[in-house]
Amino acid sequence: MARAASIVLLNTGQGKGKSSAAFGVMGRGWARGWRVGVVQFVKGGKWKTGERKLADHLGIEWHTLGDGFTWESTDLDETAARGRHAWEVAEAKLRSGDYDLLILDELTYAVTYGWVPAEAVVAGIRSRSPKTNVVMTGRGAAPELIEVADTVTEMTKVKHAYDQGIGAMKGIEY
């Protein structure tokens, strides 16, 4: 079996756990001495997440570049501009050769909402530094993202506490 210099993972689907799984890989990579970076495409700076707190503690580079969920946006043009900017940051990091692992959290939404063309993401992933592993997350991954990934996992919702009126909980969802 051939060993790749790096691989691309994609966590998609309607179920919970896409980002959580990516942050598990983040911890695993850090534990192996890898240089790890995270770029978030949707969440804004007001989110105080547990994974961000962990990354700060571990010295993992983290960029929260969105302005929150689109349904909360008061200026969709600004939201889209932030999404495009997040891709520019991610693309530069992919090419840089400075990372063993880059997590592109919520990237699928940037493509779904039309902020970044799927072809641009595919080109950025394909032209990344040979040593840079990538984890992309988000619902509704475009076929092009599925195609460029080496491993694709679809999270399926069977049941969710939110459907029972239980809101997001610190330590579980964020």
C-alpha atoms as a PDB file:
ATOM      1  CA  MET A   1       0.000   0.000   0.000  1.00  0.00           C
ATOM      2  CA  ALA A   2       1.413   3.384  -1.045  1.00  0.00           C
ATOM      3  CA  ARG A   3       1.866   6.013   1.636  1.00  0.00           C
ATOM      4  CA  ALA A   4       0.716   9.505   0.696  1.00  0.00           C
ATOM      5  CA  ALA A   5       2.724  12.547   1.740  1.00  0.00           C
ATOM      6  CA  SER A   6      -0.510  13.992   3.140  1.00  0.00           C
ATOM      7  CA  ILE A   7      -4.229  13.356   2.970  1.00  0.00           C
ATOM      8  CA  VAL A   8      -7.495  15.281   2.859  1.00  0.00           C
ATOM      9  CA  LEU A   9     -10.403  14.384   5.128  1.00  0.00           C
ATOM     10  CA  LEU A  10     -13.951  15.685   4.848  1.00  0.00           C
ATOM     11  CA  ASN A  11     -16.546  15.460   7.632  1.00  0.00           C
ATOM     12  CA  THR A  12     -20.008  16.282   6.305  1.00  0.00           C
ATOM     13  CA  GLY A  13     -23.659  15.392   6.827  1.00  0.00           C
ATOM     14  CA  GLN A  14     -26.599  16.489   8.960  1.00  0.00           C
ATOM     15  CA  GLY A  15     -25.412  14.819  12.159  1.00  0.00           C
ATOM     16  CA  LYS A  16     -23.483  16.241  15.084  1.00  0.00           C
ATOM     17  CA  GLY A  17     -19.751  15.703  15.407  1.00  0.00           C
ATOM     18  CA  LYS A  18     -18.157  17.028  12.223  1.00  0.00           C
ATOM     19  CA  SER A  19     -16.050  19.696  13.905  1.00  0.00           C
ATOM     20  CA  SER A  20     -15.608  17.630  17.061  1.00  0.00           C
ATOM     21  CA  ALA A  21     -14.027  14.854  14.997  1.00  0.00           C
ATOM     22  CA  ALA A  22     -11.769  17.389  13.266  1.00  0.00           C
ATOM     23  CA  PHE A  23     -10.627  18.744  16.627  1.00  0.00           C
ATOM     24  CA  GLY A  24      -9.840  15.206  17.722  1.00  0.00           C
ATOM     25  CA  VAL A  25      -7.454  15.036  14.749  1.00  0.00           C
ATOM     26  CA  MET A  26      -6.122  18.448  15.825  1.00  0.00           C
ATOM     27  CA  GLY A  27      -5.188  17.032  19.229  1.00  0.00           C
ATOM     28  CA  ARG A  28      -3.699  13.906  17.714  1.00  0.00           C
ATOM     29  CA  GLY A  29      -1.556  15.939  15.305  1.00  0.00           C
ATOM     30  CA  TRP A  30      -0.389  18.270  18.076  1.00  0.00           C
ATOM     31  CA  ALA A  31       0.543  15.245  20.213  1.00  0.00           C
ATOM     32  CA  ARG A  32       2.746  14.044  17.324  1.00  0.00           C
ATOM     33  CA  GLY A  33       4.610  17.338  17.245  1.00  0.00           C
ATOM     34  CA  TRP A  34       2.860  18.666  14.170  1.00  0.00           C
ATOM     35  CA  ARG A  35       2.395  22.333  13.401  1.00  0.00           C
ATOM     36  CA  VAL A  36      -1.382  22.706  13.363  1.00  0.00           C
ATOM     37  CA  GLY A  37      -3.611  25.559  12.209  1.00  0.00           C
ATOM     38  CA  VAL A  38      -7.363  26.120  12.248  1.00  0.00           C
ATOM     39  CA  VAL A  39      -9.410  28.449  10.044  1.00  0.00           C
ATOM     40  CA  GLN A  40     -13.103  28.822  10.898  1.00  0.00           C
ATOM     41  CA  PHE A  41     -15.337  30.120   8.121  1.00  0.00           C
ATOM     42  CA  VAL A  42     -18.619  30.841   9.917  1.00  0.00           C
ATOM     43  CA  LYS A  43     -18.246  31.238  13.656  1.00  0.00           C
ATOM     44  CA  GLY A  44     -17.437  34.753  14.765  1.00  0.00           C
ATOM     45  CA  GLY A  45     -15.053  36.019  17.415  1.00  0.00           C
ATOM     46  CA  LYS A  46     -17.795  36.248  20.056  1.00  0.00           C
ATOM     47  CA  TRP A  47     -17.915  32.448  20.277  1.00  0.00           C
ATOM     48  CA  LYS A  48     -15.904  31.265  23.283  1.00  0.00           C
ATOM     49  CA  THR A  49     -15.594  27.594  22.442  1.00  0.00           C
ATOM     50  CA  GLY A  50     -13.908  24.860  24.418  1.00  0.00           C
ATOM     51  CA  GLU A  51     -11.887  23.742  21.412  1.00  0.00           C
ATOM     52  CA  ARG A  52     -10.527  27.271  20.963  1.00  0.00           C
ATOM     53  CA  LYS A  53      -9.588  27.385  24.633  1.00  0.00           C
ATOM     54  CA  LEU A  54      -7.773  24.053  24.230  1.00  0.00           C
ATOM     55  CA  ALA A  55      -5.993  25.236  21.069  1.00  0.00           C
ATOM     56  CA  ASP A  56      -4.828  28.411  22.823  1.00  0.00           C
ATOM     57  CA  HIS A  57      -3.537  26.319  25.718  1.00  0.00           C
ATOM     58  CA  LEU A  58      -1.628  24.055  23.312  1.00  0.00           C
ATOM     59  CA  GLY A  59      -0.257  26.922  21.216  1.00  0.00           C
ATOM     60  CA  ILE A  60      -2.224  25.940  18.105  1.00  0.00           C
ATOM     61  CA  GLU A  61      -2.760  28.772  15.625  1.00  0.00           C
ATOM     62  CA  TRP A  62      -6.472  29.618  15.341  1.00  0.00           C
ATOM     63  CA  HIS A  63      -8.347  32.022  13.059  1.00  0.00           C
ATOM     64  CA  THR A  64     -12.057  32.667  13.653  1.00  0.00           C
ATOM     65  CA  LEU A  65     -12.902  34.703  10.568  1.00  0.00           C
ATOM     66  CA  GLY A  66     -16.672  34.526  10.159  1.00  0.00           C
ATOM     67  CA  ASP A  67     -19.249  36.824  11.684  1.00  0.00           C
ATOM     68  CA  GLY A  68     -21.617  34.180  12.978  1.00  0.00           C
ATOM     69  CA  PHE A  69     -24.324  32.048  11.482  1.00  0.00           C
ATOM     70  CA  THR A  70     -25.902  33.368   8.286  1.00  0.00           C
ATOM     71  CA  TRP A  71     -29.397  33.322   9.780  1.00  0.00           C
ATOM     72  CA  GLU A  72     -28.129  35.751  12.449  1.00  0.00           C
ATOM     73  CA  SER A  73     -26.411  38.086   9.970  1.00  0.00           C
ATOM     74  CA  THR A  74     -27.538  41.670   9.657  1.00  0.00           C
ATOM     75  CA  ASP A  75     -25.343  42.241   6.586  1.00  0.00           C
ATOM     76  CA  LEU A  76     -25.063  39.258   4.232  1.00  0.00           C
ATOM     77  CA  ASP A  77     -22.607  41.106   1.972  1.00  0.00           C
ATOM     78  CA  GLU A  78     -20.248  41.469   4.955  1.00  0.00           C
ATOM     79  CA  THR A  79     -20.789  37.821   5.864  1.00  0.00           C
ATOM     80  CA  ALA A  80     -19.867  36.792   2.302  1.00  0.00           C
ATOM     81  CA  ALA A  81     -16.812  39.080   2.293  1.00  0.00           C
ATOM     82  CA  ARG A  82     -15.627  37.486   5.530  1.00  0.00           C
ATOM     83  CA  GLY A  83     -16.095  34.036   4.012  1.00  0.00           C
ATOM     84  CA  ARG A  84     -14.018  34.998   0.969  1.00  0.00           C
ATOM     85  CA  HIS A  85     -11.341  36.465   3.232  1.00  0.00           C
ATOM     86  CA  ALA A  86     -11.271  33.254   5.286  1.00  0.00           C
ATOM     87  CA  TRP A  87     -10.607  31.311   2.084  1.00  0.00           C
ATOM     88  CA  GLU A  88      -7.758  33.694   1.126  1.00  0.00           C
ATOM     89  CA  VAL A  89      -6.189  33.095   4.548  1.00  0.00           C
ATOM     90  CA  ALA A  90      -6.695  29.324   4.256  1.00  0.00           C
ATOM     91  CA  GLU A  91      -5.331  29.191   0.714  1.00  0.00           C
ATOM     92  CA  ALA A  92      -2.141  31.015   1.724  1.00  0.00           C
ATOM     93  CA  LYS A  93      -1.669  28.636   4.659  1.00  0.00           C
ATOM     94  CA  LEU A  94      -2.225  25.607   2.432  1.00  0.00           C
ATOM     95  CA  ARG A  95       0.550  26.771   0.083  1.00  0.00           C
ATOM     96  CA  SER A  96       2.949  27.963   2.782  1.00  0.00           C
ATOM     97  CA  GLY A  97       4.479  24.637   3.792  1.00  0.00           C
ATOM     98  CA  ASP A  98       4.333  25.807   7.414  1.00  0.00           C
ATOM     99  CA  TYR A  99       1.699  23.279   8.535  1.00  0.00           C
ATOM    100  CA  ASP A 100       1.447  19.558   8.953  1.00  0.00           C
ATOM    101  CA  LEU A 101      -2.313  19.878   9.517  1.00  0.00           C
ATOM    102  CA  LEU A 102      -4.859  22.539   8.603  1.00  0.00           C
ATOM    103  CA  ILE A 103      -8.445  22.302   9.761  1.00  0.00           C
ATOM    104  CA  LEU A 104     -10.839  24.238   7.538  1.00  0.00           C
ATOM    105  CA  ASP A 105     -13.864  24.265   9.823  1.00  0.00           C
ATOM    106  CA  GLU A 106     -17.226  25.034   8.193  1.00  0.00           C
ATOM    107  CA  LEU A 107     -15.585  25.398   4.761  1.00  0.00           C
ATOM    108  CA  THR A 108     -18.456  23.642   2.995  1.00  0.00           C
ATOM    109  CA  TYR A 109     -20.745  26.582   3.779  1.00  0.00           C
ATOM    110  CA  ALA A 110     -18.437  29.018   1.985  1.00  0.00           C
ATOM    111  CA  VAL A 111     -18.943  26.920  -1.146  1.00  0.00           C
ATOM    112  CA  THR A 112     -22.667  26.235  -0.616  1.00  0.00           C
ATOM    113  CA  TYR A 113     -23.458  29.922  -0.085  1.00  0.00           C
ATOM    114  CA  GLY A 114     -21.456  30.911  -3.176  1.00  0.00           C
ATOM    115  CA  TRP A 115     -18.776  32.876  -1.331  1.00  0.00           C
ATOM    116  CA  VAL A 116     -15.992  30.747  -2.835  1.00  0.00           C
ATOM    117  CA  PRO A 117     -16.286  28.631  -6.008  1.00  0.00           C
ATOM    118  CA  ALA A 118     -15.838  24.894  -5.453  1.00  0.00           C
ATOM    119  CA  GLU A 119     -13.227  24.881  -8.222  1.00  0.00           C
ATOM    120  CA  ALA A 120     -11.112  27.412  -6.294  1.00  0.00           C
ATOM    121  CA  VAL A 121     -11.194  25.244  -3.179  1.00  0.00           C
ATOM    122  CA  VAL A 122     -10.279  22.142  -5.157  1.00  0.00           C
ATOM    123  CA  ALA A 123      -7.385  23.992  -6.814  1.00  0.00           C
ATOM    124  CA  GLY A 124      -6.189  25.244  -3.417  1.00  0.00           C
ATOM    125  CA  ILE A 125      -6.357  21.768  -1.908  1.00  0.00           C
ATOM    126  CA  ARG A 126      -4.556  20.187  -4.872  1.00  0.00           C
ATOM    127  CA  SER A 127      -1.793  22.810  -4.893  1.00  0.00           C
ATOM    128  CA  ARG A 128      -1.205  22.654  -1.122  1.00  0.00           C
ATOM    129  CA  SER A 129       2.208  21.928   0.300  1.00  0.00           C
ATOM    130  CA  PRO A 130       2.855  18.181  -0.054  1.00  0.00           C
ATOM    131  CA  LYS A 131       3.233  17.739   3.721  1.00  0.00           C
ATOM    132  CA  THR A 132      -0.002  19.534   4.683  1.00  0.00           C
ATOM    133  CA  ASN A 133      -2.865  17.282   5.754  1.00  0.00           C
ATOM    134  CA  VAL A 134      -6.305  18.890   5.597  1.00  0.00           C
ATOM    135  CA  VAL A 135      -9.588  18.349   7.405  1.00  0.00           C
ATOM    136  CA  MET A 136     -12.646  20.108   5.947  1.00  0.00           C
ATOM    137  CA  THR A 137     -15.964  20.223   7.791  1.00  0.00           C
ATOM    138  CA  GLY A 138     -19.556  21.286   7.225  1.00  0.00           C
ATOM    139  CA  ARG A 139     -22.943  20.116   6.031  1.00  0.00           C
ATOM    140  CA  GLY A 140     -23.858  19.627   2.400  1.00  0.00           C
ATOM    141  CA  ALA A 141     -20.383  19.199   0.934  1.00  0.00           C
ATOM    142  CA  ALA A 142     -20.264  19.960  -2.777  1.00  0.00           C
ATOM    143  CA  PRO A 143     -19.476  16.968  -5.015  1.00  0.00           C
ATOM    144  CA  GLU A 144     -16.156  18.598  -5.946  1.00  0.00           C
ATOM    145  CA  LEU A 145     -15.077  18.625  -2.284  1.00  0.00           C
ATOM    146  CA  ILE A 146     -16.064  14.983  -1.911  1.00  0.00           C
ATOM    147  CA  GLU A 147     -14.051  14.144  -5.003  1.00  0.00           C
ATOM    148  CA  VAL A 148     -10.850  15.911  -3.857  1.00  0.00           C
ATOM    149  CA  ALA A 149     -10.951  14.303  -0.395  1.00  0.00           C
ATOM    150  CA  ASP A 150      -9.192  11.011   0.330  1.00  0.00           C
ATOM    151  CA  THR A 151     -11.521  10.129   3.220  1.00  0.00           C
ATOM    152  CA  VAL A 152     -15.128  11.308   3.493  1.00  0.00           C
ATOM    153  CA  THR A 153     -17.293  10.688   6.531  1.00  0.00           C
ATOM    154  CA  GLU A 154     -20.965  11.549   6.549  1.00  0.00           C
ATOM    155  CA  MET A 155     -22.420  12.180   9.987  1.00  0.00           C
ATOM    156  CA  THR A 156     -26.056  11.073  10.102  1.00  0.00           C
ATOM    157  CA  LYS A 157     -28.475  12.474  12.628  1.00  0.00           C
ATOM    158  CA  VAL A 158     -30.490   9.739  14.284  1.00  0.00           C
ATOM    159  CA  LYS A 159     -31.676  11.824  17.231  1.00  0.00           C
ATOM    160  CA  HIS A 160     -30.588  15.173  18.686  1.00  0.00           C
ATOM    161  CA  ALA A 161     -31.233  16.805  22.056  1.00  0.00           C
ATOM    162  CA  TYR A 162     -32.110  20.082  20.294  1.00  0.00           C
ATOM    163  CA  ASP A 163     -35.197  18.388  18.826  1.00  0.00           C
ATOM    164  CA  GLN A 164     -36.348  17.795  22.416  1.00  0.00           C
ATOM    165  CA  GLY A 165     -35.944  21.464  23.302  1.00  0.00           C
ATOM    166  CA  ILE A 166     -32.488  21.086  24.866  1.00  0.00           C
ATOM    167  CA  GLY A 167     -30.208  23.928  23.758  1.00  0.00           C
ATOM    168  CA  ALA A 168     -26.505  23.802  22.979  1.00  0.00           C
ATOM    169  CA  MET A 169     -24.444  22.962  26.043  1.00  0.00           C
ATOM    170  CA  LYS A 170     -20.968  24.177  26.944  1.00  0.00           C
ATOM    171  CA  GLY A 171     -18.566  21.271  26.896  1.00  0.00           C
ATOM    172  CA  ILE A 172     -20.761  19.264  24.523  1.00  0.00           C
ATOM    173  CA  GLU A 173     -21.501  21.499  21.524  1.00  0.00           C
ATOM    174  CA  TYR A 174     -18.955  24.242  22.153  1.00  0.00           C
END
